[in-house]
Structures are given as structure tokens and as C-alpha cells.
Amino acid sequence: MKTDLNILDCFEEHHAGLFRFLVKLTGDYHQSEDIIQDAYVRASLKLALFDAGRGSVKNWLYKIAINIYYDRERFRRREELAVDEYYRELNDGNYSESEPDFQYSKEMIERAVMKLAADKRALFILSLKTSVRDMAEIFSLADGTVKSRLFYIRKQICHNLKMIYEEQNL
């Protein structure tokens, strides 16, 4: 359905309410700013797809913002699960030291990932938010090849983590 909506008019009309909603949803002012900015960019790019017969502009904007929030939360949860998995593998390496606090551990993991070759680092980072099938398509690989490479990349990250741990405890 063709519409003559102006995204600036939509922004002026719905920005304050949407922003208040996002601050309550996220509990974070800055994250809410990022989400609302992304929502208006997506809305402006998809404005031609808006169908007034399916709902109001306000509901459409809220739905876009909520979906962006969900995407960010899924990514955050995957990242946390990846951190937990690497701790388990690190602790299985016969280290009896207590687990370091999260901030310090995140720094260690970032350093371990940065030690990977660029192609391995790209595949690993993409794996945090993308399915194996999508990665296979992006890298023009078979699904099994992606899984195999991720297995060896994780082993390399664990090795890098052990090296970083040993360097810091000399």
C-alpha cells in the first residue's frame, strides 16, 4: 500500500513516548538512545513497506524498536554463554585457581580472540549471532566445514586463554 508518510513527522509525534518506553524496557538511557536511533533508520529504509491497513504508525515503530531490543538481547545472551563455555574449558585444563571476575575475564577473552587469524576471528565473531547455515552461505562453505572450523577455533581460543592466564600469573 502506497503511503505518503514523512519519517520526521513520525519521529516528532512518537519519539518521546517510544523513548520513555525503551528506557523502562532496557533500564539504560544510552542503550535506549541507540535502539531508538536504529529503529528510525530501519523505519526510514522500510517506509515504503508500511501498510496502514495492518496497524498504526506508532505500533509499527514500537514493533521495530522491540525487535531491535530482542536482537540485542539474543546477542548479549549468546556472548555470555560463550564466555561461560570458555571458562568451563579453561577450568578443565587443571587450573585450580578461582574463576576471575567477569570484567577481567571478558578482557582475557577479547585478547584471546584478537590473537586469532583474521579469517578465524571473523568466523568466531559471526558465530555469536549467526546460525551455522547463514555462516556457511556467507563464507561459501558447507555446514559441516563451518562446524569443524568453529570447533578448532574454540580450541585455539582456549589455548590462547591458557597462555594469557599463565603470562599473568608468572
C-alpha atoms as a PDB file:
ATOM      1  CA  MET A   1       0.000   0.000   0.000  1.00  0.00           C
ATOM      2  CA  LYS A   2       1.433   3.362  -1.035  1.00  0.00           C
ATOM      3  CA  THR A   3       1.712   5.862   1.775  1.00  0.00           C
ATOM      4  CA  ASP A   4       2.837   9.467   1.949  1.00  0.00           C
ATOM      5  CA  LEU A   5       4.235   9.290   5.497  1.00  0.00           C
ATOM      6  CA  ASN A   6       7.118  11.507   6.474  1.00  0.00           C
ATOM      7  CA  ILE A   7       9.569   9.855   8.872  1.00  0.00           C
ATOM      8  CA  LEU A   8      10.369  13.212  10.507  1.00  0.00           C
ATOM      9  CA  ASP A   9       6.690  13.729  11.348  1.00  0.00           C
ATOM     10  CA  CYS A  10       6.575  10.218  12.808  1.00  0.00           C
ATOM     11  CA  PHE A  11       9.687  10.951  14.852  1.00  0.00           C
ATOM     12  CA  GLU A  12       8.281  14.186  16.263  1.00  0.00           C
ATOM     13  CA  GLU A  13       4.953  12.587  17.120  1.00  0.00           C
ATOM     14  CA  HIS A  14       6.173   9.333  18.713  1.00  0.00           C
ATOM     15  CA  HIS A  15       9.745   9.931  19.868  1.00  0.00           C
ATOM     16  CA  ALA A  16       9.075  10.939  23.489  1.00  0.00           C
ATOM     17  CA  GLY A  17       6.707   8.071  24.246  1.00  0.00           C
ATOM     18  CA  LEU A  18       8.842   5.486  22.472  1.00  0.00           C
ATOM     19  CA  PHE A  19      11.959   6.692  24.248  1.00  0.00           C
ATOM     20  CA  ARG A  20      10.303   6.532  27.696  1.00  0.00           C
ATOM     21  CA  PHE A  21       9.117   3.012  26.887  1.00  0.00           C
ATOM     22  CA  LEU A  22      12.620   1.928  25.835  1.00  0.00           C
ATOM     23  CA  VAL A  23      14.231   3.361  28.975  1.00  0.00           C
ATOM     24  CA  LYS A  24      11.798   1.331  31.075  1.00  0.00           C
ATOM     25  CA  LEU A  25      12.353  -1.756  28.918  1.00  0.00           C
ATOM     26  CA  THR A  26      16.149  -1.640  28.923  1.00  0.00           C
ATOM     27  CA  GLY A  27      16.826   0.177  32.168  1.00  0.00           C
ATOM     28  CA  ASP A  28      19.590   2.005  30.309  1.00  0.00           C
ATOM     29  CA  TYR A  29      19.360   5.516  28.880  1.00  0.00           C
ATOM     30  CA  HIS A  30      22.221   5.082  26.391  1.00  0.00           C
ATOM     31  CA  GLN A  31      21.051   1.716  25.114  1.00  0.00           C
ATOM     32  CA  SER A  32      17.603   3.240  24.618  1.00  0.00           C
ATOM     33  CA  GLU A  33      19.123   6.050  22.564  1.00  0.00           C
ATOM     34  CA  ASP A  34      20.910   3.504  20.365  1.00  0.00           C
ATOM     35  CA  ILE A  35      17.778   1.418  19.884  1.00  0.00           C
ATOM     36  CA  ILE A  36      15.588   4.386  19.005  1.00  0.00           C
ATOM     37  CA  GLN A  37      18.164   5.636  16.516  1.00  0.00           C
ATOM     38  CA  ASP A  38      18.373   2.200  14.890  1.00  0.00           C
ATOM     39  CA  ALA A  39      14.572   1.983  14.847  1.00  0.00           C
ATOM     40  CA  TYR A  40      14.182   5.240  12.959  1.00  0.00           C
ATOM     41  CA  VAL A  41      16.882   4.260  10.486  1.00  0.00           C
ATOM     42  CA  ARG A  42      15.117   0.949   9.827  1.00  0.00           C
ATOM     43  CA  ALA A  43      11.748   2.683   9.614  1.00  0.00           C
ATOM     44  CA  SER A  44      13.049   5.199   7.098  1.00  0.00           C
ATOM     45  CA  LEU A  45      14.533   2.402   4.983  1.00  0.00           C
ATOM     46  CA  LYS A  46      11.320   0.334   5.133  1.00  0.00           C
ATOM     47  CA  LEU A  47       8.802   3.181   4.992  1.00  0.00           C
ATOM     48  CA  ALA A  48       7.516   2.023   1.605  1.00  0.00           C
ATOM     49  CA  LEU A  49       6.587  -1.330   3.173  1.00  0.00           C
ATOM     50  CA  PHE A  50       4.375   0.203   5.860  1.00  0.00           C
ATOM     51  CA  ASP A  51       0.743  -0.832   5.417  1.00  0.00           C
ATOM     52  CA  ALA A  52      -1.744   1.389   7.258  1.00  0.00           C
ATOM     53  CA  GLY A  53      -4.334  -1.360   6.864  1.00  0.00           C
ATOM     54  CA  ARG A  54      -2.334  -3.581   9.219  1.00  0.00           C
ATOM     55  CA  GLY A  55      -1.894  -1.098  12.049  1.00  0.00           C
ATOM     56  CA  SER A  56      -0.866   2.353  13.170  1.00  0.00           C
ATOM     57  CA  VAL A  57       2.474   4.012  12.570  1.00  0.00           C
ATOM     58  CA  LYS A  58       3.008   4.134  16.323  1.00  0.00           C
ATOM     59  CA  ASN A  59       2.577   0.369  16.688  1.00  0.00           C
ATOM     60  CA  TRP A  60       4.833  -0.220  13.689  1.00  0.00           C
ATOM     61  CA  LEU A  61       7.610   1.927  15.227  1.00  0.00           C
ATOM     62  CA  TYR A  62       7.255   0.220  18.611  1.00  0.00           C
ATOM     63  CA  LYS A  63       7.436  -3.198  16.936  1.00  0.00           C
ATOM     64  CA  ILE A  64      10.629  -2.224  15.103  1.00  0.00           C
ATOM     65  CA  ALA A  65      12.192  -0.943  18.351  1.00  0.00           C
ATOM     66  CA  ILE A  66      11.154  -4.051  20.291  1.00  0.00           C
ATOM     67  CA  ASN A  67      12.608  -6.318  17.610  1.00  0.00           C
ATOM     68  CA  ILE A  68      15.914  -4.420  17.775  1.00  0.00           C
ATOM     69  CA  TYR A  69      15.872  -4.848  21.561  1.00  0.00           C
ATOM     70  CA  TYR A  70      15.214  -8.593  21.190  1.00  0.00           C
ATOM     71  CA  ASP A  71      18.077  -8.903  18.683  1.00  0.00           C
ATOM     72  CA  ARG A  72      20.462  -7.171  21.080  1.00  0.00           C
ATOM     73  CA  GLU A  73      19.350  -9.333  23.989  1.00  0.00           C
ATOM     74  CA  ARG A  74      19.823 -12.529  21.974  1.00  0.00           C
ATOM     75  CA  PHE A  75      23.327 -11.393  21.045  1.00  0.00           C
ATOM     76  CA  ARG A  76      24.131 -10.490  24.670  1.00  0.00           C
ATOM     77  CA  ARG A  77      22.917 -13.901  25.905  1.00  0.00           C
ATOM     78  CA  ARG A  78      24.957 -15.727  23.253  1.00  0.00           C
ATOM     79  CA  GLU A  79      28.019 -13.745  24.232  1.00  0.00           C
ATOM     80  CA  GLU A  80      27.510 -14.605  27.918  1.00  0.00           C
ATOM     81  CA  LEU A  81      27.042 -18.287  27.087  1.00  0.00           C
ATOM     82  CA  ALA A  82      30.229 -18.236  25.027  1.00  0.00           C
ATOM     83  CA  VAL A  83      32.114 -16.694  27.957  1.00  0.00           C
ATOM     84  CA  ASP A  84      30.760 -19.344  30.318  1.00  0.00           C
ATOM     85  CA  GLU A  85      31.695 -22.134  27.893  1.00  0.00           C
ATOM     86  CA  TYR A  86      35.267 -20.884  27.602  1.00  0.00           C
ATOM     87  CA  TYR A  87      35.586 -20.695  31.395  1.00  0.00           C
ATOM     88  CA  ARG A  88      34.490 -24.292  31.707  1.00  0.00           C
ATOM     89  CA  GLU A  89      37.048 -25.339  29.100  1.00  0.00           C
ATOM     90  CA  LEU A  90      39.748 -23.231  30.754  1.00  0.00           C
ATOM     91  CA  ASN A  91      38.959 -24.712  34.165  1.00  0.00           C
ATOM     92  CA  ASP A  92      39.052 -28.229  32.680  1.00  0.00           C
ATOM     93  CA  GLY A  93      42.721 -27.521  31.927  1.00  0.00           C
ATOM     94  CA  ASN A  94      43.702 -28.456  35.518  1.00  0.00           C
ATOM     95  CA  TYR A  95      43.726 -24.915  36.829  1.00  0.00           C
ATOM     96  CA  SER A  96      42.647 -24.898  40.436  1.00  0.00           C
ATOM     97  CA  GLU A  97      42.653 -21.096  40.756  1.00  0.00           C
ATOM     98  CA  SER A  98      39.339 -19.451  41.458  1.00  0.00           C
ATOM     99  CA  GLU A  99      37.473 -18.039  38.492  1.00  0.00           C
ATOM    100  CA  PRO A 100      38.395 -14.393  37.877  1.00  0.00           C
ATOM    101  CA  ASP A 101      35.697 -11.720  37.972  1.00  0.00           C
ATOM    102  CA  PHE A 102      33.651 -11.124  34.788  1.00  0.00           C
ATOM    103  CA  GLN A 103      35.244  -7.831  33.684  1.00  0.00           C
ATOM    104  CA  TYR A 104      38.721  -9.260  33.918  1.00  0.00           C
ATOM    105  CA  SER A 105      37.622 -12.447  32.206  1.00  0.00           C
ATOM    106  CA  LYS A 106      35.972 -10.571  29.348  1.00  0.00           C
ATOM    107  CA  GLU A 107      39.250  -8.736  28.796  1.00  0.00           C
ATOM    108  CA  MET A 108      41.120 -12.050  28.696  1.00  0.00           C
ATOM    109  CA  ILE A 109      38.686 -13.476  26.169  1.00  0.00           C
ATOM    110  CA  GLU A 110      38.910 -10.393  23.982  1.00  0.00           C
ATOM    111  CA  ARG A 111      42.701 -10.708  23.988  1.00  0.00           C
ATOM    112  CA  ALA A 112      42.470 -14.418  23.169  1.00  0.00           C
ATOM    113  CA  VAL A 113      40.104 -13.748  20.266  1.00  0.00           C
ATOM    114  CA  MET A 114      42.334 -10.952  18.943  1.00  0.00           C
ATOM    115  CA  LYS A 115      45.220 -13.442  18.735  1.00  0.00           C
ATOM    116  CA  LEU A 116      43.288 -15.442  16.129  1.00  0.00           C
ATOM    117  CA  ALA A 117      43.985 -15.003  12.426  1.00  0.00           C
ATOM    118  CA  ALA A 118      41.594 -12.524  10.800  1.00  0.00           C
ATOM    119  CA  ASP A 119      39.548 -15.181   8.956  1.00  0.00           C
ATOM    120  CA  LYS A 120      39.157 -17.274  12.115  1.00  0.00           C
ATOM    121  CA  ARG A 121      38.285 -14.214  14.172  1.00  0.00           C
ATOM    122  CA  ALA A 122      35.605 -13.202  11.631  1.00  0.00           C
ATOM    123  CA  LEU A 123      34.064 -16.685  11.691  1.00  0.00           C
ATOM    124  CA  PHE A 124      34.095 -16.815  15.505  1.00  0.00           C
ATOM    125  CA  ILE A 125      32.575 -13.358  15.998  1.00  0.00           C
ATOM    126  CA  LEU A 126      29.916 -14.088  13.408  1.00  0.00           C
ATOM    127  CA  SER A 127      29.107 -17.351  15.205  1.00  0.00           C
ATOM    128  CA  LEU A 128      27.986 -15.391  18.262  1.00  0.00           C
ATOM    129  CA  LYS A 129      24.970 -14.011  16.435  1.00  0.00           C
ATOM    130  CA  THR A 130      24.532 -16.053  13.264  1.00  0.00           C
ATOM    131  CA  SER A 131      23.377 -19.572  12.528  1.00  0.00           C
ATOM    132  CA  VAL A 132      25.709 -22.183  11.038  1.00  0.00           C
ATOM    133  CA  ARG A 133      23.633 -22.237   7.849  1.00  0.00           C
ATOM    134  CA  ASP A 134      23.953 -18.457   7.426  1.00  0.00           C
ATOM    135  CA  MET A 135      27.697 -18.557   8.086  1.00  0.00           C
ATOM    136  CA  ALA A 136      28.089 -21.334   5.542  1.00  0.00           C
ATOM    137  CA  GLU A 137      26.338 -19.165   2.972  1.00  0.00           C
ATOM    138  CA  ILE A 138      28.382 -16.060   3.844  1.00  0.00           C
ATOM    139  CA  PHE A 139      31.715 -17.887   3.668  1.00  0.00           C
ATOM    140  CA  SER A 140      30.698 -20.232   0.813  1.00  0.00           C
ATOM    141  CA  LEU A 141      31.379 -23.327   2.908  1.00  0.00           C
ATOM    142  CA  ALA A 142      29.488 -26.496   3.770  1.00  0.00           C
ATOM    143  CA  ASP A 143      27.661 -26.550   7.122  1.00  0.00           C
ATOM    144  CA  GLY A 144      29.959 -29.312   8.377  1.00  0.00           C
ATOM    145  CA  THR A 145      33.052 -27.311   7.446  1.00  0.00           C
ATOM    146  CA  VAL A 146      31.786 -24.328   9.442  1.00  0.00           C
ATOM    147  CA  LYS A 147      31.126 -26.564  12.469  1.00  0.00           C
ATOM    148  CA  SER A 148      34.565 -28.131  12.178  1.00  0.00           C
ATOM    149  CA  ARG A 149      36.313 -24.783  11.896  1.00  0.00           C
ATOM    150  CA  LEU A 150      34.395 -23.427  14.881  1.00  0.00           C
ATOM    151  CA  PHE A 151      35.469 -26.454  16.923  1.00  0.00           C
ATOM    152  CA  TYR A 152      39.145 -25.789  16.164  1.00  0.00           C
ATOM    153  CA  ILE A 153      38.730 -22.038  16.657  1.00  0.00           C
ATOM    154  CA  ARG A 154      37.281 -22.667  20.122  1.00  0.00           C
ATOM    155  CA  LYS A 155      40.205 -24.940  20.937  1.00  0.00           C
ATOM    156  CA  GLN A 156      42.587 -22.210  19.777  1.00  0.00           C
ATOM    157  CA  ILE A 157      40.811 -19.625  21.923  1.00  0.00           C
ATOM    158  CA  CYS A 158      41.083 -21.936  24.947  1.00  0.00           C
ATOM    159  CA  HIS A 159      44.788 -22.374  24.237  1.00  0.00           C
ATOM    160  CA  ASN A 160      45.189 -18.597  23.934  1.00  0.00           C
ATOM    161  CA  LEU A 161      43.315 -18.127  27.216  1.00  0.00           C
ATOM    162  CA  LYS A 162      45.628 -20.572  28.977  1.00  0.00           C
ATOM    163  CA  MET A 163      48.658 -18.717  27.625  1.00  0.00           C
ATOM    164  CA  ILE A 164      47.262 -15.358  28.776  1.00  0.00           C
ATOM    165  CA  TYR A 165      46.438 -16.850  32.175  1.00  0.00           C
ATOM    166  CA  GLU A 166      49.972 -18.208  32.559  1.00  0.00           C
ATOM    167  CA  GLU A 167      51.524 -14.896  31.450  1.00  0.00           C
ATOM    168  CA  GLN A 168      49.542 -13.023  34.081  1.00  0.00           C
ATOM    169  CA  ASN A 169      50.382 -15.482  36.859  1.00  0.00           C
ATOM    170  CA  LEU A 170      54.162 -15.630  36.427  1.00  0.00           C
END
